[in-house]
Amino acid sequence: MNKSPLFLLLVTFLFTGCGAYFNQPVGVQKAVYGEHTPATTALVEMPKPKEQVVVGVYKFKDQTGQYKPTELGSTFSTAVTQGATSILIKALQDSKWFIPIERENLGNLLNERNIIRSTRQEYAAKTEPNEAVLTPLLFAGVLLEGGIISYDTNIITGGFGARYFGAGGSTQYRQDRVTVYLRLVSTSNGKILNTVYVSKTILSQSVDASLFRYVNLNRLLEVETGFTRNEPIQMAVTEAIEKAVEGLIVDGIKDKLWEVNAPQKQIDDFVAEYDKEKNEADLAQLYNRNLSENRRARFGIEASGGTAIMQGDYPNPEPMPMIRGALKFFFSPTFNLSASSNAFQVANKNKMDLGYLSLDLNLECTILPRDVFSPFVFVGTGFEFDHHRENFHTKVQGGAGLEYLVSPHVGIKLYGEFNAAFSDNVDHLEAGIRDDYYYRIGLGMTYYFPKEVKIKKK
């Protein structure tokens, strides 16, 4: 027996996460500086202000009330970090836009300043009567409020597995989500100047593979391996807070709350990139579904190939090749008319082998027209004749499939189709009480023509 498929399946599961698998900890690791997130780089590389803003942060709290889940329920450990204030202050410093002042532990600061004053009054006045007065505290022009307002677990779960003759593997994943709100408050009048809302998903994955077989009657081989990878919650919270600070700064630039020390073109490009990202986020919805309007253009052309399987009066049908070309017209985002020409063969072992050409007209419904990945169903009618241009008969057909847009103009589709002829002579044999029918299964590509661009005349 060929064992290569077993080992191929085993290796496939391991290499889906080879980065984590081949970097397993085997010893004590030394302390390292904290990792940067993708948002950290964007925050540091932002254009700098003409003048930094003094900002106070009293408390950026965990407002979720969420405890860390376990298999037996929950523990008294919180699901997200309680040190979000420290993360926010570091993000403000990294941006170089703000001067954070100590407000979280203001009582400690005031107590220390009172100790300094009393010590100077009691001892320093006798030795140094002209000693300088204690420097006054900075006061904030704006305050930052808000917090971590939600931590949702298991918003998406799933997996896949296969096992064959004792060899197999599986993969599972889970996605959580953390959400932060950040608002900017004026200390002069208490007005809320801006509010930013940012969410970050948290991914957990596990991959395992195993082999369990009897080598001979008295020898059993058993092998297991795998790994689990969990995205750190603290890193997700950090990235969300840094992204919120970036959004707060850009919204302030747009509202002219502060000035930027950069050329106007650089500022415009920076704001335009932010607006583009925000518009895409507005369309993305919860599960990263980009629900942009008119995902597919009005006109498309399709080419596909596959197989046809006859179900007639002869036994032992054989899969035979099929090709198809079609023109599509979308009269709404959901519905389109598809006119197609299909060349295919139908055959039964040692009995019949015929070539056919069919012309079909289908009404097709795209179930998720605003998504990149969508199922579709169709129904229609047509007529067909054999390669001798004889044996004409009409038929009805219906089917379903899946389409994935690999680009704005190209879609890959997989479909299955049932064709019922109004004739019992498709296989050139009239027998029995029912008409002949056949199946077609195809894989193809659809090209959607770019939308027309109207050029304004000057």
Protein backbone atom coordinates (compact mmCIF):
# COMPACT_ATOMS: atom_id res chain seq x y z
CA MET A 1 0.00 0.00 0.00
CA ASN A 2 1.30 3.48 -0.87
CA LYS A 3 1.92 5.37 2.40
CA SER A 4 2.99 8.68 0.83
CA PRO A 5 -0.48 10.32 1.16
CA LEU A 6 -0.39 9.64 4.89
CA PHE A 7 2.95 11.34 5.41
CA LEU A 8 2.00 14.15 3.03
CA LEU A 9 -1.09 14.90 5.12
CA LEU A 10 1.00 14.81 8.30
CA VAL A 11 3.61 17.19 6.93
CA THR A 12 0.97 19.57 5.53
CA PHE A 13 -0.52 20.24 8.94
CA LEU A 14 2.86 20.80 10.53
CA PHE A 15 4.03 23.27 7.93
CA THR A 16 0.86 25.39 8.11
CA GLY A 17 2.42 26.94 11.19
CA CYS A 18 6.09 26.07 10.76
CA GLY A 19 7.18 29.45 12.11
CA ALA A 20 5.83 28.61 15.55
CA TYR A 21 6.62 24.90 15.32
CA PHE A 22 10.34 25.31 14.56
CA ASN A 23 10.82 28.07 17.13
CA GLN A 24 9.74 26.20 20.22
CA PRO A 25 11.30 27.35 23.52
CA VAL A 26 13.89 24.85 24.75
CA GLY A 27 15.58 26.96 27.44
CA VAL A 28 15.35 29.99 29.70
CA GLN A 29 15.18 33.24 27.74
CA LYS A 30 16.58 36.57 28.89
CA ALA A 31 14.53 39.71 29.34
CA VAL A 32 13.99 41.75 26.18
CA TYR A 33 12.56 45.14 25.41
CA GLY A 34 8.88 45.16 24.52
CA GLU A 35 7.92 44.40 20.94
CA HIS A 36 6.54 47.06 18.66
CA THR A 37 3.17 46.64 17.01
CA PRO A 38 2.34 47.71 13.42
CA ALA A 39 0.58 50.74 14.90
CA THR A 40 3.74 51.77 16.79
CA THR A 41 5.65 52.32 13.55
CA ALA A 42 2.82 54.38 12.05
CA LEU A 43 2.61 56.47 15.23
CA VAL A 44 6.35 57.21 15.32
CA GLU A 45 6.51 58.11 11.62
CA MET A 46 3.66 60.63 11.73
CA PRO A 47 4.38 64.27 10.81
CA LYS A 48 5.37 66.21 13.91
CA PRO A 49 3.48 69.18 15.44
CA LYS A 50 4.60 72.80 15.58
CA GLU A 51 3.94 72.75 19.31
CA GLN A 52 3.35 69.83 21.64
CA VAL A 53 0.12 69.68 23.64
CA VAL A 54 0.15 69.15 27.41
CA VAL A 55 -2.28 66.34 28.15
CA GLY A 56 -3.49 64.70 31.35
CA VAL A 57 -4.62 61.08 31.71
CA TYR A 58 -6.26 60.31 35.05
CA LYS A 59 -7.39 56.79 34.32
CA PHE A 60 -7.82 54.67 31.22
CA LYS A 61 -9.67 51.77 32.76
CA ASP A 62 -10.80 48.28 31.90
CA GLN A 63 -14.56 48.78 31.72
CA THR A 64 -15.39 45.34 30.35
CA GLY A 65 -16.00 43.55 33.65
CA GLN A 66 -14.72 40.47 31.83
CA TYR A 67 -12.88 37.66 33.60
CA LYS A 68 -10.53 35.25 31.93
CA PRO A 69 -12.49 32.21 30.65
CA THR A 70 -11.41 28.64 31.40
CA GLU A 71 -12.74 25.21 30.50
CA LEU A 72 -14.43 25.02 33.91
CA GLY A 73 -16.01 28.50 33.76
CA SER A 74 -14.02 31.60 34.68
CA THR A 75 -11.37 32.72 37.14
CA PHE A 76 -10.88 35.90 39.13
CA SER A 77 -8.15 36.97 36.69
CA THR A 78 -9.31 39.74 34.37
CA ALA A 79 -9.40 39.07 30.63
CA VAL A 80 -7.53 42.26 29.66
CA THR A 81 -4.68 44.22 31.20
CA GLN A 82 -5.32 46.64 34.07
CA GLY A 83 -2.36 48.77 33.02
CA ALA A 84 -3.96 50.45 30.01
CA THR A 85 -3.12 53.90 31.41
CA SER A 86 0.61 53.16 31.18
CA ILE A 87 0.17 51.90 27.61
CA LEU A 88 -1.70 55.08 26.64
CA ILE A 89 0.94 57.37 28.17
CA LYS A 90 3.72 55.57 26.26
CA ALA A 91 1.75 55.89 23.03
CA LEU A 92 1.37 59.63 23.63
CA GLN A 93 5.11 59.96 24.18
CA ASP A 94 5.96 57.88 21.10
CA SER A 95 3.86 60.14 18.89
CA LYS A 96 5.86 63.29 19.95
CA TRP A 97 2.57 65.19 19.73
CA PHE A 98 1.80 65.35 23.44
CA ILE A 99 3.49 66.10 26.76
CA PRO A 100 1.81 63.70 29.22
CA ILE A 101 1.72 64.83 32.85
CA GLU A 102 1.29 62.63 35.89
CA ARG A 103 -2.32 62.40 36.96
CA GLU A 104 -2.98 58.71 37.63
CA ASN A 105 -1.12 58.81 40.95
CA LEU A 106 -1.47 62.52 41.61
CA GLY A 107 -1.74 61.97 45.37
CA ASN A 108 1.75 60.44 45.47
CA LEU A 109 3.15 63.41 43.52
CA LEU A 110 1.49 65.99 45.79
CA ASN A 111 2.64 64.19 48.92
CA GLU A 112 6.23 64.18 47.65
CA ARG A 113 6.06 67.89 46.87
CA ASN A 114 4.73 68.59 50.38
CA ILE A 115 7.66 66.64 51.83
CA ILE A 116 10.07 68.77 49.76
CA ARG A 117 8.44 72.00 50.96
CA SER A 118 8.41 71.03 54.63
CA THR A 119 12.02 69.82 54.45
CA ARG A 120 13.16 73.08 52.89
CA GLN A 121 11.23 75.16 55.40
CA GLU A 122 12.66 73.26 58.31
CA TYR A 123 16.28 72.78 57.28
CA ALA A 124 17.23 74.53 54.06
CA ALA A 125 16.01 77.99 55.19
CA LYS A 126 18.72 78.14 57.86
CA THR A 127 21.61 77.20 55.56
CA GLU A 128 20.39 78.53 52.20
CA PRO A 129 17.94 81.39 52.75
CA ASN A 130 17.83 82.30 49.03
CA GLU A 131 16.97 78.83 47.74
CA ALA A 132 14.67 78.78 44.69
CA VAL A 133 10.97 78.17 45.14
CA LEU A 134 9.65 74.73 44.09
CA THR A 135 8.71 74.74 40.40
CA PRO A 136 4.93 74.82 39.86
CA LEU A 137 3.14 71.84 38.33
CA LEU A 138 2.15 71.87 34.68
CA PHE A 139 -1.57 71.97 34.02
CA ALA A 140 -3.20 70.17 31.11
CA GLY A 141 -4.88 71.92 28.22
CA VAL A 142 -6.78 68.73 27.35
CA LEU A 143 -7.68 65.50 29.09
CA LEU A 144 -7.87 62.02 27.61
CA GLU A 145 -10.72 59.86 28.87
CA GLY A 146 -12.24 56.54 27.88
CA GLY A 147 -11.21 52.95 28.38
CA ILE A 148 -11.37 49.36 27.20
CA ILE A 149 -15.10 48.99 26.78
CA SER A 150 -15.52 45.41 25.52
CA TYR A 151 -13.77 42.07 25.22
CA ASP A 152 -15.78 39.59 23.13
CA THR A 153 -14.71 35.96 23.06
CA ASN A 154 -15.31 33.36 20.36
CA ILE A 155 -16.74 35.72 17.77
CA ILE A 156 -15.46 33.22 15.17
CA THR A 157 -14.47 29.59 15.81
CA GLY A 158 -13.72 26.81 13.38
CA GLY A 159 -11.32 24.17 12.22
CA PHE A 160 -10.58 21.32 9.88
CA GLY A 161 -9.35 17.76 10.27
CA ALA A 162 -8.84 14.53 8.37
CA ARG A 163 -7.78 11.02 9.25
CA TYR A 164 -7.00 8.05 7.02
CA PHE A 165 -5.90 4.61 8.22
CA GLY A 166 -4.69 5.93 11.56
CA ALA A 167 -2.83 8.96 10.17
CA GLY A 168 -4.25 12.43 10.27
CA GLY A 169 -4.25 15.88 11.73
CA SER A 170 -6.46 18.81 12.59
CA THR A 171 -6.36 22.55 13.00
CA GLN A 172 -8.61 24.77 15.08
CA TYR A 173 -8.86 28.52 15.48
CA ARG A 174 -10.69 31.04 17.63
CA GLN A 175 -10.99 34.79 17.27
CA ASP A 176 -11.72 37.24 20.09
CA ARG A 177 -12.04 41.02 19.89
CA VAL A 178 -11.08 43.93 22.15
CA THR A 179 -12.51 47.45 21.70
CA VAL A 180 -11.29 50.78 23.09
CA TYR A 181 -12.81 54.25 23.11
CA LEU A 182 -10.68 57.37 23.49
CA ARG A 183 -12.04 60.90 23.82
CA LEU A 184 -10.38 64.30 23.95
CA VAL A 185 -11.81 66.80 26.47
CA SER A 186 -11.01 70.52 26.72
CA THR A 187 -10.12 71.61 30.29
CA SER A 188 -11.17 75.21 29.62
CA ASN A 189 -14.85 74.49 29.00
CA GLY A 190 -15.30 70.70 29.33
CA LYS A 191 -16.22 70.30 25.66
CA ILE A 192 -15.59 66.87 24.11
CA LEU A 193 -13.45 67.71 21.09
CA ASN A 194 -13.25 64.27 19.52
CA THR A 195 -13.98 60.58 20.10
CA VAL A 196 -12.19 57.62 18.48
CA TYR A 197 -13.35 53.99 18.46
CA VAL A 198 -10.89 51.18 17.57
CA SER A 199 -11.27 47.37 17.61
CA LYS A 200 -8.59 44.71 17.33
CA THR A 201 -9.11 40.98 16.81
CA ILE A 202 -7.13 38.39 18.79
CA LEU A 203 -6.33 35.10 17.06
CA SER A 204 -5.70 31.72 18.71
CA GLN A 205 -4.67 28.70 16.63
CA SER A 206 -3.84 25.08 17.31
CA VAL A 207 -2.41 22.48 14.93
CA ASP A 208 -1.84 18.80 15.72
CA ALA A 209 -0.96 15.70 13.76
CA SER A 210 -0.80 12.05 14.73
CA LEU A 211 0.04 8.62 13.35
CA PHE A 212 -1.42 5.48 14.93
CA ARG A 213 -0.86 2.14 13.20
CA TYR A 214 0.14 -1.44 13.73
CA VAL A 215 3.48 -2.08 12.05
CA ASN A 216 2.87 -5.80 12.48
CA LEU A 217 0.80 -8.00 14.75
CA ASN A 218 2.67 -7.18 17.96
CA ARG A 219 4.15 -3.76 17.17
CA LEU A 220 2.23 -0.51 17.44
CA LEU A 221 3.56 2.82 16.15
CA GLU A 222 2.09 5.97 17.69
CA VAL A 223 3.35 9.51 16.95
CA GLU A 224 1.82 12.82 18.03
CA THR A 225 2.93 16.40 17.55
CA GLY A 226 1.44 19.85 17.37
CA PHE A 227 1.43 23.34 18.78
CA THR A 228 -0.89 26.10 19.93
CA ARG A 229 -0.32 29.79 19.22
CA ASN A 230 -2.19 32.56 21.06
CA GLU A 231 -1.87 36.22 20.12
CA PRO A 232 -0.97 38.15 23.32
CA ILE A 233 -3.93 40.15 24.60
CA GLN A 234 -1.63 42.88 25.90
CA MET A 235 -0.19 43.37 22.39
CA ALA A 236 -3.70 43.61 20.95
CA VAL A 237 -4.69 46.22 23.55
CA THR A 238 -1.48 48.16 22.87
CA GLU A 239 -2.10 48.19 19.12
CA ALA A 240 -5.69 49.31 19.59
CA ILE A 241 -4.68 52.17 21.91
CA GLU A 242 -1.87 53.31 19.59
CA LYS A 243 -4.27 53.24 16.65
CA ALA A 244 -6.73 55.33 18.67
CA VAL A 245 -4.04 57.93 19.44
CA GLU A 246 -3.16 58.12 15.74
CA GLY A 247 -6.82 58.66 14.84
CA LEU A 248 -7.16 61.32 17.53
CA ILE A 249 -4.21 63.23 16.11
CA VAL A 250 -5.42 63.09 12.50
CA ASP A 251 -8.95 64.12 13.44
CA GLY A 252 -7.42 67.05 15.33
CA ILE A 253 -5.49 68.05 12.20
CA LYS A 254 -8.69 67.93 10.14
CA ASP A 255 -10.58 69.98 12.75
CA LYS A 256 -7.65 72.45 12.99
CA LEU A 257 -7.18 71.85 16.71
CA TRP A 258 -3.41 71.92 16.21
CA GLU A 259 -0.87 72.69 13.51
CA VAL A 260 1.56 70.38 11.76
CA ASN A 261 5.23 71.14 11.15
CA ALA A 262 5.30 69.72 7.60
CA PRO A 263 4.68 70.81 4.00
CA GLN A 264 1.03 71.10 3.03
CA LYS A 265 1.29 68.35 0.39
CA GLN A 266 2.62 65.89 2.96
CA ILE A 267 -0.22 66.81 5.32
CA ASP A 268 -2.83 66.38 2.57
CA ASP A 269 -1.43 62.98 1.55
CA PHE A 270 -1.33 61.86 5.18
CA VAL A 271 -4.94 62.90 5.85
CA ALA A 272 -6.11 61.36 2.54
CA GLU A 273 -4.52 58.02 3.47
CA TYR A 274 -6.26 58.15 6.85
CA ASP A 275 -9.63 58.94 5.24
CA LYS A 276 -9.18 56.04 2.81
CA GLU A 277 -8.43 53.60 5.62
CA LYS A 278 -11.38 54.85 7.65
CA ASN A 279 -13.75 54.53 4.69
CA GLU A 280 -12.60 50.95 4.13
CA ALA A 281 -13.14 50.23 7.82
CA ASP A 282 -16.67 51.66 7.60
CA LEU A 283 -17.43 49.14 4.84
CA ALA A 284 -15.65 46.18 6.45
CA GLN A 285 -18.34 45.39 9.05
CA LEU A 286 -17.82 42.87 11.87
CA TYR A 287 -16.20 39.92 10.12
CA ASN A 288 -13.92 41.97 7.87
CA ARG A 289 -16.49 41.85 5.08
CA ASN A 290 -15.82 44.74 2.73
CA LEU A 291 -19.38 45.65 1.79
CA SER A 292 -18.57 48.12 -0.96
CA GLU A 293 -21.33 48.86 -3.43
CA ASN A 294 -21.48 47.25 -6.88
CA ARG A 295 -18.75 44.70 -6.17
CA ARG A 296 -19.25 43.16 -9.59
CA ALA A 297 -19.43 45.23 -12.76
CA ARG A 298 -22.51 45.27 -14.96
CA PHE A 299 -21.00 43.13 -17.76
CA GLY A 300 -18.86 40.00 -17.52
CA ILE A 301 -17.51 37.20 -19.67
CA GLU A 302 -17.00 33.67 -18.36
CA ALA A 303 -14.94 30.66 -19.42
CA SER A 304 -14.98 27.33 -17.60
CA GLY A 305 -14.28 23.67 -18.00
CA GLY A 306 -15.29 20.52 -16.19
CA THR A 307 -17.05 17.25 -16.60
CA ALA A 308 -20.49 15.97 -17.68
CA ILE A 309 -22.11 12.79 -16.32
CA MET A 310 -25.00 11.21 -18.21
CA GLN A 311 -28.00 9.63 -16.46
CA GLY A 312 -29.94 7.94 -19.26
CA ASP A 313 -31.04 4.50 -20.26
CA TYR A 314 -27.59 2.88 -20.43
CA PRO A 315 -25.74 1.69 -17.30
CA ASN A 316 -22.23 2.66 -16.14
CA PRO A 317 -22.05 6.39 -17.05
CA GLU A 318 -18.56 7.84 -17.45
CA PRO A 319 -17.41 11.42 -16.65
CA MET A 320 -16.61 13.24 -19.88
CA PRO A 321 -15.09 16.68 -20.62
CA MET A 322 -17.10 19.89 -20.87
CA ILE A 323 -16.25 23.51 -21.76
CA ARG A 324 -18.40 26.59 -21.42
CA GLY A 325 -18.38 30.23 -22.48
CA ALA A 326 -20.90 32.78 -21.23
CA LEU A 327 -21.84 36.45 -21.26
CA LYS A 328 -23.34 37.96 -18.11
CA PHE A 329 -25.42 41.09 -17.59
CA PHE A 330 -26.17 42.33 -14.06
CA PHE A 331 -29.43 44.28 -14.00
CA SER A 332 -29.09 44.57 -10.20
CA PRO A 333 -26.25 43.79 -7.73
CA THR A 334 -27.98 40.50 -6.89
CA PHE A 335 -29.45 39.22 -10.17
CA ASN A 336 -27.96 38.72 -13.61
CA LEU A 337 -28.82 37.06 -16.91
CA SER A 338 -26.25 34.60 -18.25
CA ALA A 339 -26.27 33.42 -21.87
CA SER A 340 -23.91 30.50 -22.40
CA SER A 341 -22.71 28.05 -25.01
CA ASN A 342 -21.67 24.61 -23.76
CA ALA A 343 -19.77 21.90 -25.61
CA PHE A 344 -19.71 18.56 -23.81
CA GLN A 345 -19.67 14.80 -24.21
CA VAL A 346 -21.84 12.15 -22.61
CA ALA A 347 -20.83 8.51 -22.48
CA ASN A 348 -21.64 5.12 -20.98
CA LYS A 349 -18.99 2.44 -20.75
CA ASN A 350 -18.84 0.32 -23.93
CA LYS A 351 -22.25 1.61 -25.00
CA MET A 352 -22.47 5.24 -26.06
CA ASP A 353 -20.19 8.25 -26.62
CA LEU A 354 -21.77 11.41 -28.04
CA GLY A 355 -20.79 15.05 -28.36
CA TYR A 356 -23.35 17.77 -27.69
CA LEU A 357 -23.67 21.53 -27.93
CA SER A 358 -26.19 23.42 -25.77
CA LEU A 359 -27.28 27.06 -25.71
CA ASP A 360 -28.56 28.12 -22.29
CA LEU A 361 -30.14 31.21 -20.75
CA ASN A 362 -30.02 31.41 -16.93
CA LEU A 363 -31.29 33.77 -14.26
CA GLU A 364 -28.56 33.82 -11.64
CA CYS A 365 -28.76 35.09 -8.05
CA THR A 366 -25.58 36.12 -6.20
CA ILE A 367 -26.52 35.60 -2.56
CA LEU A 368 -23.85 37.90 -1.06
CA PRO A 369 -23.38 40.51 -3.80
CA ARG A 370 -21.29 42.86 -1.66
CA ASP A 371 -18.84 40.21 -0.49
CA VAL A 372 -15.65 38.94 -2.10
CA PHE A 373 -16.74 35.34 -1.46
CA SER A 374 -20.33 34.47 -2.32
CA PRO A 375 -22.51 31.45 -3.09
CA PHE A 376 -24.85 31.69 -6.06
CA VAL A 377 -27.80 29.77 -7.49
CA PHE A 378 -29.24 29.78 -10.99
CA VAL A 379 -32.12 28.40 -13.00
CA GLY A 380 -32.91 28.59 -16.70
CA THR A 381 -33.81 26.92 -19.95
CA GLY A 382 -32.11 26.06 -23.23
CA PHE A 383 -31.88 23.62 -26.11
CA GLU A 384 -29.21 21.21 -27.30
CA PHE A 385 -28.23 19.07 -30.26
CA ASP A 386 -25.55 16.48 -30.96
CA HIS A 387 -22.37 16.96 -33.01
CA HIS A 388 -24.18 15.86 -36.17
CA ARG A 389 -26.53 18.85 -35.67
CA GLU A 390 -29.35 16.41 -35.15
CA ASN A 391 -31.43 15.21 -32.24
CA PHE A 392 -32.65 18.66 -31.15
CA HIS A 393 -34.52 18.95 -27.84
CA THR A 394 -35.26 21.57 -25.18
CA LYS A 395 -34.34 21.34 -21.53
CA VAL A 396 -34.37 23.14 -18.17
CA GLN A 397 -31.41 23.45 -15.85
CA GLY A 398 -30.56 24.66 -12.38
CA GLY A 399 -27.57 24.65 -10.12
CA ALA A 400 -25.48 26.30 -7.44
CA GLY A 401 -21.88 27.26 -6.86
CA LEU A 402 -19.32 29.46 -5.12
CA GLU A 403 -17.41 32.45 -6.49
CA TYR A 404 -14.36 34.20 -5.08
CA LEU A 405 -13.13 37.54 -6.41
CA VAL A 406 -9.35 37.37 -6.59
CA SER A 407 -9.32 40.98 -7.87
CA PRO A 408 -11.96 43.66 -8.59
CA HIS A 409 -12.29 42.31 -12.15
CA VAL A 410 -11.59 38.56 -11.89
CA GLY A 411 -13.68 35.91 -10.15
CA ILE A 412 -12.99 32.18 -9.75
CA LYS A 413 -16.07 29.98 -9.55
CA LEU A 414 -16.94 26.35 -8.85
CA TYR A 415 -20.44 25.12 -9.69
CA GLY A 416 -22.63 22.09 -10.20
CA GLU A 417 -25.58 21.93 -12.58
CA PHE A 418 -28.53 19.61 -13.15
CA ASN A 419 -29.96 19.41 -16.69
CA ALA A 420 -33.35 17.79 -17.38
CA ALA A 421 -34.12 17.24 -21.08
CA PHE A 422 -37.67 17.06 -22.41
CA SER A 423 -36.70 13.95 -24.31
CA ASP A 424 -35.76 10.33 -23.64
CA ASN A 425 -33.53 10.26 -26.72
CA VAL A 426 -30.44 12.15 -25.50
CA ASP A 427 -28.49 8.87 -25.42
CA HIS A 428 -30.16 7.76 -28.69
CA LEU A 429 -32.16 5.14 -26.81
CA GLU A 430 -35.78 5.45 -25.78
CA ALA A 431 -36.54 3.16 -22.89
CA GLY A 432 -38.21 3.39 -19.52
CA ILE A 433 -40.79 5.92 -18.36
CA ARG A 434 -38.66 9.01 -17.62
CA ASP A 435 -36.71 11.46 -19.76
CA ASP A 436 -32.91 11.58 -19.80
CA TYR A 437 -30.93 13.97 -17.61
CA TYR A 438 -27.29 14.70 -16.86
CA TYR A 439 -25.02 16.64 -14.51
CA ARG A 440 -22.30 19.15 -15.27
CA ILE A 441 -19.60 20.18 -12.79
CA GLY A 442 -17.32 23.06 -13.73
CA LEU A 443 -14.46 25.27 -12.58
CA GLY A 444 -14.02 28.59 -14.33
CA MET A 445 -13.14 32.25 -14.34
CA THR A 446 -15.28 35.34 -14.89
CA TYR A 447 -13.84 38.64 -16.07
CA TYR A 448 -15.87 41.71 -15.10
CA PHE A 449 -15.33 44.63 -17.42
CA PRO A 450 -14.21 47.85 -15.69
CA LYS A 451 -16.90 50.40 -15.06
CA GLU A 452 -17.19 53.29 -17.46
CA VAL A 453 -15.34 56.41 -16.35
CA LYS A 454 -16.99 59.67 -17.31
CA ILE A 455 -14.51 62.38 -18.32
CA LYS A 456 -15.66 65.89 -17.63
CA LYS A 457 -15.10 68.33 -20.44
CA LYS A 458 -13.36 71.50 -19.51
